[in-house]
Every structure is written in structure tokens, then in C-alpha cells.
Amino acid sequence: MVVVDSVRLEAQIQAIRHSGWQVTHVHLTAAQEVLAKRYGKRRNKARELGSYAALSESETERNVEELGKTADVVINTDRCNLDDVYARVASRLETRPVTAAPLVDVLIGGQYGSEGKGNIVHFLAPEYDVLVRVGGPNAGHKVWQRGGEAFTFHQVPSGAIANPSAKLIIGAGAVVSLTVLRTEIAKLGLDINRLMIDPRAMVIEDEDVAWENAQLRNEIASTAQGVGKATARKIMHRYPNSDVRLVKDVPALEHYVGDTIEFFAQCLSEGKRIMLEGTQGTSLGIHHGPYPHVTSRVTSAPGCLAEAGLSARHVRKVVMVCRTYPIRVGDTDTGKTSGPMSAPINLKVIHQRSRIPLKELERTERTSTTNRPRRIAEFDWAQLRRSLLLNGPTDIALTFADYLGVENREAYRYEQLNEETLRFVEEVEKVSGVPVSLISTAFNDRNVIDRRLW
């Protein structure tokens, strides 16, 4: 049983604490002008005094903010909504299961995509024997290279550069653009012994791209790469002599085709470590996202495992990547939205808080696939909680720490991060119940602080 009560005096808190109940004291605070505005919106019966300013005449009400000094949790409600408060308070009252198993580690996005998954994969890749990717060319994963050049992966696993000896796998649930795939194979110089593509992966046709450009680009800000339309054809056109073309039907790819399920079985029996790189973000999933502003597939860890053909029983770690400020693709040219966000802000706010030059932010915050400007929002604690439930992560990778202060770009150890970031990490860990094991501070050759115990 949970009892919720409000207090105004330190003596009340102490009395409740000494009652024998397990007590969590949550102190909600906000700027005075915000509180005054909220008070003005109260119904007359809920107003104890005629105005918020009149509260200051009461010694009890005047000293309420002092209660925050001894509270277990202090939440600034300026930057979050009721769902965020619920997520943070509920974390103190719940127990969360821990996911653990042997050889497969899964890395997925916990928001709307563009969380910086490629950067984390690039950092971790040298530790694995096999790198696996699902999804399609609508997801661009950018990595840093020597010399400062960025390489954006759309089809091939994003750890291909960081680990030149790893076997690269494109799973059966993937959707393949032949043009994009051939370009990446050529640029990376991949030979037939390094890359394996499941024969059942779907091939995107020009008509798929054309249809999405006509129907979805200006309706929901789709990347219009043909992924959804091709997937729909794979589902709906299940009859002999249909127009469905799989990778096994493409002669130019025959040397790369292999049975990935059997290959995984062999890897598991030999003790080889596997990393599965998810696609897009949990909140864009076809079933659990804000339909119709979603992608065409299940983007959570279980969905990515299913697309790859890997069993949940063999999962060791699930790493969920989250940005300090989540983003979505910008709205369409016709003004139609790309989907809801909890508390939208703009890049000027990030500039003012972080002291990163505004022009740099405007140049950076463009989508990897379509080069559109991005929308940005406050960290969504309710979204975090939902993604935790859908993915069951064992670890969180926090990216864009420099957005909490440009000085974080010079942090190479955890204790060198600024105070705001340290407190933010603490709160994420408290809400999630799992460690923030990796923190990305910039986009360079030393951009990840590694706090893992594995």
C-alpha cells in the first residue's frame, strides 16, 4: 500500500518518518513566476488565498522551500511535466528486473533515434568478434575517423572501421538498398569473407522509394527511403511469382549471402562475442510509438533480436543509448509535424545553457539520412521509463554530455564532468535502476568515458 500526503512543516515530516512507515520525501520546486502562474490557474475552491503573492505573508508558506534541504528527492518542475514527476518518484518505489545472459550484447536507442548509437558502437566494437545490424537505410549511424572525417553507416554495422577483423552481418529482418549497400561495400573495401547478408533480407525497389516520397515524406516527415513500403510488400505479397525480391535473388550479392542463423549457432558454440546494433529509437517503434508518427518496424531490443535471428536467452547485456536532449526530425515543408515531443525547446536554449556556439549546433543538428534540421526537447523522464520497460536494459549510454556544458568536452574521466552533469547522471541511474556505464562528451577520438564493470 502506498499513502501520499503533503506537508508544510519540518515537524510533520519528522512525525511521519517516526511513524514506522517507509518514507520517501519528495520536494517539488519551481521558479516563483511559474508557481504564481500555476496558482492563478487554480479553481477558486483550491485557492487558499486571493493571490500567490499573499502566501508570502504566511510564515509557514514562506518557509516551504526550506524543506528541500532534507528531502530525499528534489524535482524542479520547470523542466518536466506530471508524467516526468511520476517516472522519477515511481523509481523510488519499484524494483526492476535485471537482464543478464552470456554472449550477445544489444545496443538500442531509447528515444526517437539519432541518439548517437554509431558513436557508441564504434567505441565498443573492438571487443567483439561479430557485429550485426538490422533495420534499413533510413537510419544513419555516424562515427568518427582519424583526421576528423565522419563516416555515416546506413546498412553495414557501424563498428566496421573500429574493428577491421570483425565479421559483419546484416540480418534477415533487414531491408536493403542495393545502391546504399554497394556504396558502403566499396568505400569500406569489404571482401566476401568479411560481410555476410542473410538471404531472406528484403530488397528495396525504386517504386518503394517513389511511393514513400509521394505519400509519407510530407505527411509524417518520413525519410522516404522505401523501407516501410518494401516491408509491406514482403508481408502482403506472399504468393508465387510476386514482385518481392530478396537478397538471395540478387546475383551481384551471391558471394555475400549466407545462413546467418547457422552462423550464429556456430559463433555461440565457439564462445564468440556478438554485438547487435539496433535501429532508430524505441519511441519510433511501429507498435509502441505515437502512431502514425512511427517507423515501419519494432525498434526495441526484443524486436531487433527477432529481426537479427538471435535468441533472448543468449543476451548478456542490453545497452540503451539516450541523449541529454532528445531530438526528432524537423517538421515537413507543408507544416505537418513529425510527431509529438514532451517539452519542445529550440537550439538557442541549448546554446544559452551549454555555451556551445549556435552556428555549430545548427550545423550539427541535422539528420544523417535526409539532412533536415532537427527538433529538440527537454529530457523526457516519462519516455525514459517507458523505454526501460520495453527494453529491459542492463546499462545506459548517455550521449551529448557537452549539451550540459561545453566544458564537458575536456572531460576524460567521470569526476571531470561538470556538477550539473554529475547530478543528471545520478538521477538517470536512480530512475532507471541501472548504471550509466558510458558517457559521450564530444565527437572526437577520446569522446567516451567508460564506467563499465564488464
Protein backbone atom coordinates (compact mmCIF):
# COMPACT_ATOMS: atom_id res chain seq x y z
CA MET A 1 0.00 0.00 0.00
CA VAL A 2 1.22 3.49 -0.85
CA VAL A 3 0.00 6.60 1.00
CA VAL A 4 0.59 10.05 -0.49
CA ASP A 5 0.39 13.11 1.74
CA SER A 6 1.54 16.73 1.59
CA VAL A 7 3.41 18.60 4.30
CA ARG A 8 4.44 22.16 5.04
CA LEU A 9 6.44 21.82 8.24
CA GLU A 10 9.64 20.00 9.19
CA ALA A 11 7.84 18.66 12.26
CA GLN A 12 5.24 17.00 10.06
CA ILE A 13 7.96 15.23 8.10
CA GLN A 14 9.71 14.02 11.22
CA ALA A 15 6.43 12.74 12.67
CA ILE A 16 5.72 10.73 9.53
CA ARG A 17 9.27 9.38 9.45
CA HIS A 18 8.98 8.21 13.06
CA SER A 19 5.62 6.54 12.45
CA GLY A 20 7.18 3.28 11.30
CA TRP A 21 6.29 3.76 7.64
CA GLN A 22 8.90 3.66 4.89
CA VAL A 23 9.02 7.31 3.82
CA THR A 24 10.24 8.98 0.66
CA HIS A 25 10.16 12.76 0.94
CA VAL A 26 9.77 14.37 -2.50
CA HIS A 27 10.19 18.13 -2.72
CA LEU A 28 8.71 19.77 -5.83
CA THR A 29 10.03 23.20 -6.70
CA ALA A 30 9.83 25.76 -9.50
CA ALA A 31 10.64 29.40 -10.21
CA GLN A 32 8.46 31.91 -8.38
CA GLU A 33 6.90 33.24 -11.58
CA VAL A 34 5.96 29.71 -12.62
CA LEU A 35 4.40 28.99 -9.24
CA ALA A 36 2.46 32.24 -9.38
CA LYS A 37 1.11 31.39 -12.81
CA ARG A 38 0.04 27.91 -11.68
CA TYR A 39 -1.63 29.33 -8.58
CA GLY A 40 -3.60 31.73 -10.75
CA LYS A 41 -4.98 28.82 -12.76
CA ARG A 42 -6.36 27.06 -9.68
CA ARG A 43 -10.07 26.87 -9.25
CA ASN A 44 -11.40 29.21 -6.59
CA LYS A 45 -12.06 26.39 -4.11
CA ALA A 46 -8.43 25.26 -4.36
CA ARG A 47 -7.06 28.74 -3.65
CA GLU A 48 -6.30 29.26 -0.01
CA LEU A 49 -5.57 32.95 -0.54
CA GLY A 50 -6.52 35.50 -3.13
CA SER A 51 -3.12 35.55 -4.86
CA TYR A 52 0.19 33.75 -4.81
CA ALA A 53 1.92 36.88 -3.54
CA ALA A 54 -0.27 36.75 -0.45
CA LEU A 55 1.28 33.41 0.50
CA SER A 56 4.49 35.17 1.43
CA GLU A 57 2.64 36.80 4.31
CA SER A 58 2.31 33.37 5.91
CA GLU A 59 5.46 32.23 7.73
CA THR A 60 4.61 28.58 7.08
CA GLU A 61 4.15 29.05 3.34
CA ARG A 62 7.17 31.34 3.12
CA ASN A 63 9.45 28.63 4.53
CA VAL A 64 8.20 25.68 2.43
CA GLU A 65 11.23 25.89 0.13
CA GLU A 66 13.46 25.20 3.14
CA LEU A 67 12.05 21.65 3.26
CA GLY A 68 14.05 20.82 0.12
CA LYS A 69 17.25 20.79 2.16
CA THR A 70 16.34 17.49 3.87
CA ALA A 71 14.24 15.89 1.12
CA ASP A 72 15.14 12.52 -0.39
CA VAL A 73 14.29 13.81 -3.87
CA VAL A 74 14.13 17.38 -5.20
CA ILE A 75 12.45 17.84 -8.58
CA ASN A 76 12.49 21.13 -10.46
CA THR A 77 9.16 21.07 -12.27
CA ASP A 78 10.11 23.98 -14.55
CA ARG A 79 11.58 21.49 -16.98
CA CYS A 80 9.28 18.49 -16.66
CA ASN A 81 5.61 17.60 -16.67
CA LEU A 82 3.42 15.45 -14.42
CA ASP A 83 4.42 12.25 -16.22
CA ASP A 84 8.09 13.11 -15.65
CA VAL A 85 7.47 13.62 -11.93
CA TYR A 86 5.62 10.30 -11.77
CA ALA A 87 8.50 8.50 -13.51
CA ARG A 88 11.07 9.89 -11.10
CA VAL A 89 9.01 9.27 -7.96
CA ALA A 90 7.90 5.80 -9.04
CA SER A 91 11.53 4.79 -9.47
CA ARG A 92 11.93 5.09 -5.70
CA LEU A 93 9.07 2.70 -5.07
CA GLU A 94 9.69 -0.02 -7.67
CA THR A 95 12.01 -2.96 -8.08
CA ARG A 96 13.29 -3.61 -11.59
CA PRO A 97 14.41 -6.89 -13.09
CA VAL A 98 17.99 -7.21 -14.28
CA THR A 99 18.66 -8.70 -17.69
CA ALA A 100 21.67 -11.00 -17.95
CA ALA A 101 22.91 -13.78 -20.22
CA PRO A 102 26.06 -14.99 -22.00
CA LEU A 103 27.43 -13.84 -25.37
CA VAL A 104 25.19 -11.37 -27.21
CA ASP A 105 25.15 -7.68 -26.32
CA VAL A 106 22.39 -5.49 -27.77
CA LEU A 107 22.68 -1.76 -28.30
CA ILE A 108 19.48 0.17 -29.00
CA GLY A 109 18.19 3.75 -28.95
CA GLY A 110 15.95 4.79 -26.08
CA GLN A 111 14.35 7.86 -27.66
CA TYR A 112 13.45 8.95 -31.23
CA GLY A 113 16.66 7.83 -32.93
CA SER A 114 19.80 9.90 -33.58
CA GLU A 115 20.91 9.20 -30.00
CA GLY A 116 24.50 8.68 -31.13
CA LYS A 117 24.35 4.87 -31.36
CA GLY A 118 27.01 4.75 -34.06
CA ASN A 119 29.46 6.57 -31.84
CA ILE A 120 28.96 4.05 -29.00
CA VAL A 121 29.14 1.06 -31.35
CA HIS A 122 32.39 2.45 -32.77
CA PHE A 123 33.84 2.66 -29.25
CA LEU A 124 32.78 -0.85 -28.20
CA ALA A 125 33.37 -2.69 -31.49
CA PRO A 126 36.99 -3.81 -30.84
CA GLU A 127 35.70 -6.06 -28.03
CA TYR A 128 33.56 -8.26 -30.32
CA ASP A 129 34.11 -10.99 -32.87
CA VAL A 130 30.84 -10.41 -34.74
CA LEU A 131 28.95 -7.18 -35.45
CA VAL A 132 25.30 -7.40 -36.51
CA ARG A 133 22.92 -4.81 -37.92
CA VAL A 134 19.20 -4.78 -38.69
CA GLY A 135 16.82 -2.10 -39.96
CA GLY A 136 17.41 -0.26 -43.20
CA PRO A 137 19.00 2.75 -44.89
CA ASN A 138 16.55 5.15 -43.22
CA ALA A 139 18.83 5.08 -40.14
CA GLY A 140 22.21 6.80 -40.42
CA HIS A 141 24.80 5.99 -37.74
CA LYS A 142 27.73 8.41 -37.76
CA VAL A 143 31.23 7.55 -36.46
CA TRP A 144 34.44 9.48 -36.03
CA GLN A 145 37.52 8.62 -38.10
CA ARG A 146 41.14 9.64 -37.86
CA GLY A 147 41.61 13.05 -39.40
CA GLY A 148 38.23 14.20 -38.11
CA GLU A 149 36.24 12.90 -41.07
CA ALA A 150 32.86 11.42 -40.21
CA PHE A 151 31.57 8.26 -41.84
CA THR A 152 27.85 7.55 -41.80
CA PHE A 153 26.73 3.91 -41.89
CA HIS A 154 23.29 3.11 -43.31
CA GLN A 155 23.44 -0.67 -43.92
CA VAL A 156 26.71 -2.11 -42.64
CA PRO A 157 27.37 -2.41 -38.86
CA SER A 158 28.86 0.83 -37.53
CA GLY A 159 31.83 -0.87 -35.89
CA ALA A 160 33.33 -1.93 -39.23
CA ILE A 161 36.05 0.74 -39.15
CA ALA A 162 36.91 0.42 -35.45
CA ASN A 163 37.28 -3.37 -35.68
CA PRO A 164 38.65 -4.35 -39.11
CA SER A 165 38.78 -8.04 -38.17
CA ALA A 166 35.17 -8.46 -37.01
CA LYS A 167 32.71 -10.45 -39.10
CA LEU A 168 29.89 -8.18 -40.32
CA ILE A 169 26.33 -9.48 -40.50
CA ILE A 170 23.16 -7.99 -41.98
CA GLY A 171 20.23 -9.91 -40.53
CA ALA A 172 17.18 -11.47 -42.15
CA GLY A 173 14.85 -8.73 -40.93
CA ALA A 174 16.92 -6.01 -42.59
CA VAL A 175 15.70 -4.06 -45.62
CA VAL A 176 18.43 -3.38 -48.16
CA SER A 177 19.00 -0.57 -50.63
CA LEU A 178 21.31 -2.04 -53.26
CA THR A 179 22.70 1.40 -54.10
CA VAL A 180 23.49 2.27 -50.50
CA LEU A 181 24.89 -1.19 -49.75
CA ARG A 182 27.17 -1.23 -52.80
CA THR A 183 28.46 2.23 -51.95
CA GLU A 184 29.35 1.21 -48.40
CA ILE A 185 30.98 -2.04 -49.53
CA ALA A 186 33.13 -0.07 -51.97
CA LYS A 187 34.06 2.71 -49.54
CA LEU A 188 34.96 0.24 -46.79
CA GLY A 189 36.66 -2.21 -49.14
CA LEU A 190 34.74 -5.19 -47.76
CA ASP A 191 35.60 -8.57 -49.25
CA ILE A 192 33.30 -11.56 -49.48
CA ASN A 193 34.81 -13.19 -46.39
CA ARG A 194 34.07 -10.26 -44.12
CA LEU A 195 30.42 -9.43 -44.85
CA MET A 196 27.51 -11.88 -44.64
CA ILE A 197 23.93 -10.98 -45.58
CA ASP A 198 21.02 -13.23 -44.76
CA PRO A 199 19.34 -14.48 -47.96
CA ARG A 200 15.91 -13.54 -46.58
CA ALA A 201 16.66 -9.82 -46.20
CA MET A 202 14.29 -7.67 -48.28
CA VAL A 203 15.43 -5.56 -51.25
CA ILE A 204 14.07 -2.02 -51.73
CA GLU A 205 12.91 -1.18 -55.26
CA ASP A 206 12.74 2.26 -56.87
CA GLU A 207 8.96 2.11 -56.72
CA ASP A 208 9.12 1.76 -52.93
CA VAL A 209 11.14 4.96 -52.64
CA ALA A 210 8.86 6.80 -55.04
CA TRP A 211 5.73 5.75 -53.14
CA GLU A 212 7.11 6.92 -49.78
CA ASN A 213 8.22 10.22 -51.27
CA ALA A 214 4.70 10.79 -52.58
CA GLN A 215 2.76 9.51 -49.57
CA LEU A 216 4.85 9.85 -46.40
CA ARG A 217 7.58 12.48 -46.74
CA ASN A 218 5.24 15.43 -46.34
CA GLU A 219 2.75 13.69 -44.07
CA ILE A 220 4.89 12.41 -41.20
CA ALA A 221 8.39 13.66 -42.20
CA SER A 222 9.44 10.15 -43.25
CA THR A 223 12.98 9.72 -44.58
CA ALA A 224 11.27 8.12 -47.60
CA GLN A 225 13.98 5.54 -48.21
CA GLY A 226 11.43 2.88 -49.20
CA VAL A 227 11.94 0.77 -46.08
CA GLY A 228 8.32 0.70 -44.94
CA LYS A 229 6.87 0.12 -48.39
CA ALA A 230 9.30 -2.70 -49.10
CA THR A 231 8.46 -4.28 -45.74
CA ALA A 232 4.75 -4.02 -46.52
CA ARG A 233 5.29 -5.78 -49.85
CA LYS A 234 7.21 -8.55 -48.11
CA ILE A 235 4.20 -9.08 -45.84
CA MET A 236 1.38 -8.63 -48.32
CA HIS A 237 2.78 -10.17 -51.50
CA ARG A 238 3.30 -13.68 -50.18
CA TYR A 239 2.36 -15.58 -53.29
CA PRO A 240 4.33 -17.35 -56.07
CA ASN A 241 5.90 -15.14 -58.72
CA SER A 242 5.26 -11.97 -56.72
CA ASP A 243 7.26 -8.77 -57.11
CA VAL A 244 9.17 -9.42 -53.87
CA ARG A 245 12.94 -9.60 -54.36
CA LEU A 246 15.10 -10.87 -51.53
CA VAL A 247 18.87 -10.63 -51.25
CA LYS A 248 19.16 -14.25 -52.43
CA ASP A 249 17.56 -13.14 -55.72
CA VAL A 250 20.31 -10.58 -56.48
CA PRO A 251 23.16 -12.24 -58.46
CA ALA A 252 25.61 -9.43 -57.63
CA LEU A 253 25.32 -10.26 -53.93
CA GLU A 254 25.59 -14.05 -54.15
CA HIS A 255 29.11 -14.12 -52.68
CA TYR A 256 27.92 -12.27 -49.57
CA VAL A 257 24.85 -14.44 -48.93
CA GLY A 258 24.93 -16.90 -46.04
CA ASP A 259 22.68 -18.56 -43.49
CA THR A 260 23.10 -16.21 -40.56
CA ILE A 261 21.13 -18.41 -38.16
CA GLU A 262 23.56 -21.27 -38.56
CA PHE A 263 26.46 -18.84 -38.40
CA PHE A 264 25.19 -17.50 -35.07
CA ALA A 265 24.82 -21.05 -33.77
CA GLN A 266 28.44 -21.72 -34.64
CA CYS A 267 29.58 -18.47 -33.00
CA LEU A 268 27.72 -19.28 -29.80
CA SER A 269 29.19 -22.77 -29.64
CA GLU A 270 32.69 -21.34 -30.13
CA GLY A 271 32.27 -18.65 -27.50
CA LYS A 272 32.48 -15.72 -29.89
CA ARG A 273 31.14 -12.39 -28.69
CA ILE A 274 28.38 -10.76 -30.72
CA MET A 275 27.13 -7.18 -30.72
CA LEU A 276 23.72 -6.42 -32.23
CA GLU A 277 23.23 -2.81 -33.31
CA GLY A 278 19.61 -1.72 -33.23
CA THR A 279 17.92 0.77 -35.50
CA GLN A 280 16.32 4.17 -34.87
CA GLY A 281 14.77 4.64 -31.41
CA THR A 282 12.33 2.87 -29.11
CA SER A 283 9.75 5.66 -29.32
CA LEU A 284 9.56 5.28 -33.10
CA GLY A 285 8.50 1.61 -32.94
CA ILE A 286 5.54 0.67 -35.11
CA HIS A 287 3.54 -0.82 -32.21
CA HIS A 288 4.65 1.21 -29.18
CA GLY A 289 5.35 4.62 -30.68
CA PRO A 290 2.89 7.53 -31.24
CA TYR A 291 1.22 6.10 -34.36
CA PRO A 292 1.16 7.20 -37.20
CA HIS A 293 4.37 9.12 -36.50
CA VAL A 294 6.41 5.92 -36.29
CA THR A 295 8.75 3.84 -38.38
CA SER A 296 7.84 0.54 -40.04
CA ARG A 297 9.39 -1.87 -37.53
CA VAL A 298 9.77 -2.80 -33.89
CA THR A 299 12.77 -0.84 -32.64
CA SER A 300 13.09 -2.19 -29.09
CA ALA A 301 15.69 -4.77 -28.07
CA PRO A 302 13.32 -7.77 -28.46
CA GLY A 303 12.30 -6.58 -31.94
CA CYS A 304 15.90 -6.13 -33.06
CA LEU A 305 16.80 -9.58 -31.73
CA ALA A 306 13.92 -11.06 -33.70
CA GLU A 307 14.99 -9.30 -36.92
CA ALA A 308 18.56 -10.49 -36.48
CA GLY A 309 17.55 -14.05 -35.66
CA LEU A 310 19.13 -14.09 -32.20
CA SER A 311 17.55 -15.58 -29.10
CA ALA A 312 16.87 -13.56 -25.96
CA ARG A 313 18.31 -16.46 -23.99
CA HIS A 314 21.78 -15.64 -25.30
CA VAL A 315 21.69 -11.96 -24.38
CA ARG A 316 24.31 -10.81 -21.89
CA LYS A 317 23.91 -7.01 -21.92
CA VAL A 318 21.36 -4.55 -23.29
CA VAL A 319 22.81 -1.05 -23.64
CA MET A 320 20.24 1.69 -24.18
CA VAL A 321 21.58 4.90 -25.69
CA CYS A 322 19.95 8.18 -24.63
CA ARG A 323 20.73 11.80 -25.44
CA THR A 324 20.72 14.54 -22.83
CA TYR A 325 18.22 16.33 -25.08
CA PRO A 326 16.14 14.03 -27.34
CA ILE A 327 15.55 15.03 -30.96
CA ARG A 328 13.17 14.28 -33.79
CA VAL A 329 13.40 15.12 -37.47
CA GLY A 330 12.09 18.60 -38.29
CA ASP A 331 8.53 19.19 -39.43
CA THR A 332 7.61 18.84 -43.10
CA ASP A 333 7.67 21.62 -45.70
CA THR A 334 3.88 21.67 -45.54
CA GLY A 335 3.95 22.34 -41.80
CA LYS A 336 2.82 18.86 -40.75
CA THR A 337 4.54 17.53 -37.67
CA SER A 338 7.00 14.66 -37.49
CA GLY A 339 5.36 13.62 -34.23
CA PRO A 340 4.87 14.64 -30.60
CA MET A 341 7.61 15.64 -28.17
CA SER A 342 7.06 16.16 -24.45
CA ALA A 343 8.63 19.61 -23.91
CA PRO A 344 9.99 21.15 -27.13
CA ILE A 345 12.68 23.83 -26.92
CA ASN A 346 14.99 25.30 -29.55
CA LEU A 347 18.71 25.34 -30.20
CA LYS A 348 19.02 28.86 -28.79
CA VAL A 349 18.11 27.42 -25.38
CA ILE A 350 20.79 24.73 -25.74
CA HIS A 351 23.27 27.41 -26.82
CA GLN A 352 22.49 29.52 -23.74
CA ARG A 353 22.72 26.58 -21.34
CA SER A 354 25.75 24.83 -22.82
CA ARG A 355 27.65 27.82 -24.28
CA ILE A 356 28.19 25.86 -27.49
CA PRO A 357 28.15 28.30 -30.46
CA LEU A 358 24.69 28.48 -32.00
CA LYS A 359 26.03 28.09 -35.55
CA GLU A 360 27.77 24.88 -34.52
CA LEU A 361 24.54 23.49 -33.08
CA GLU A 362 22.62 24.41 -36.22
CA ARG A 363 25.24 22.68 -38.34
CA THR A 364 25.32 19.58 -36.13
CA GLU A 365 21.62 19.08 -35.54
CA ARG A 366 20.67 17.91 -39.00
CA THR A 367 19.53 14.37 -39.76
CA SER A 368 22.12 11.88 -41.06
CA THR A 369 19.91 10.48 -43.83
CA THR A 370 17.91 13.44 -45.17
CA ASN A 371 19.94 16.43 -43.86
CA ARG A 372 16.84 18.04 -42.36
CA PRO A 373 17.03 20.33 -39.33
CA ARG A 374 16.06 18.56 -36.13
CA ARG A 375 13.54 19.40 -33.44
CA ILE A 376 14.82 19.20 -29.89
CA ALA A 377 13.24 18.90 -26.44
CA GLU A 378 13.93 18.66 -22.72
CA PHE A 379 14.94 15.24 -21.45
CA ASP A 380 11.75 13.18 -21.24
CA TRP A 381 11.74 11.21 -17.99
CA ALA A 382 8.43 9.55 -18.78
CA GLN A 383 9.86 8.41 -22.12
CA LEU A 384 12.88 7.02 -20.30
CA ARG A 385 10.64 4.99 -18.02
CA ARG A 386 8.64 3.59 -20.95
CA SER A 387 11.80 2.67 -22.84
CA LEU A 388 13.13 0.91 -19.75
CA LEU A 389 10.00 -1.22 -19.64
CA LEU A 390 10.20 -2.06 -23.35
CA ASN A 391 13.92 -2.83 -23.49
CA GLY A 392 14.99 -4.06 -20.06
CA PRO A 393 18.47 -2.55 -20.37
CA THR A 394 21.36 -3.53 -18.16
CA ASP A 395 23.26 -0.32 -18.91
CA ILE A 396 22.64 3.16 -20.27
CA ALA A 397 24.96 5.07 -22.59
CA LEU A 398 24.45 8.82 -22.20
CA THR A 399 25.39 10.94 -25.20
CA PHE A 400 25.76 14.67 -25.90
CA ALA A 401 27.07 15.44 -22.40
CA ASP A 402 28.55 18.62 -23.85
CA TYR A 403 25.00 19.95 -24.19
CA LEU A 404 25.03 20.15 -20.38
CA GLY A 405 28.13 22.33 -20.58
CA VAL A 406 30.71 22.75 -23.34
CA GLU A 407 33.47 22.23 -20.75
CA ASN A 408 32.50 18.54 -20.67
CA ARG A 409 34.32 18.17 -23.98
CA GLU A 410 37.54 18.38 -21.99
CA ALA A 411 36.44 15.69 -19.52
CA TYR A 412 38.24 12.37 -19.89
CA ARG A 413 37.22 10.93 -16.52
CA TYR A 414 33.87 10.88 -14.76
CA GLU A 415 34.90 13.24 -11.98
CA GLN A 416 35.94 15.86 -14.57
CA LEU A 417 32.34 16.34 -15.76
CA ASN A 418 30.63 19.49 -14.53
CA GLU A 419 28.36 19.41 -11.49
CA GLU A 420 25.12 19.55 -13.50
CA THR A 421 26.15 16.50 -15.49
CA LEU A 422 27.11 14.51 -12.41
CA ARG A 423 23.70 15.23 -10.87
CA PHE A 424 21.97 14.37 -14.15
CA VAL A 425 23.74 11.01 -14.32
CA GLU A 426 22.78 10.29 -10.72
CA GLU A 427 19.13 10.96 -11.49
CA VAL A 428 19.14 8.81 -14.63
CA GLU A 429 20.64 5.96 -12.63
CA LYS A 430 18.09 6.39 -9.87
CA VAL A 431 15.13 6.45 -12.26
CA SER A 432 16.40 3.58 -14.39
CA GLY A 433 17.88 1.38 -11.69
CA VAL A 434 20.83 0.59 -13.98
CA PRO A 435 24.25 2.24 -14.33
CA VAL A 436 25.12 4.94 -16.82
CA SER A 437 28.14 2.97 -17.99
CA LEU A 438 29.21 5.05 -20.98
CA ILE A 439 29.15 8.84 -21.37
CA SER A 440 29.86 10.51 -24.71
CA THR A 441 31.28 14.01 -24.29
CA ALA A 442 32.11 15.10 -27.85
CA PHE A 443 32.77 13.81 -31.37
CA ASN A 444 36.49 13.01 -31.48
CA ASP A 445 38.97 10.22 -30.81
CA ARG A 446 38.55 10.38 -27.00
CA ASN A 447 34.87 11.08 -26.69
CA VAL A 448 33.61 8.30 -24.41
CA ILE A 449 34.04 7.99 -20.65
CA ASP A 450 33.93 4.29 -19.82
CA ARG A 451 32.44 3.42 -16.41
CA ARG A 452 31.59 -0.21 -17.17
CA LEU A 453 32.24 -3.06 -14.78
CA TRP A 454 32.19 -5.57 -17.64
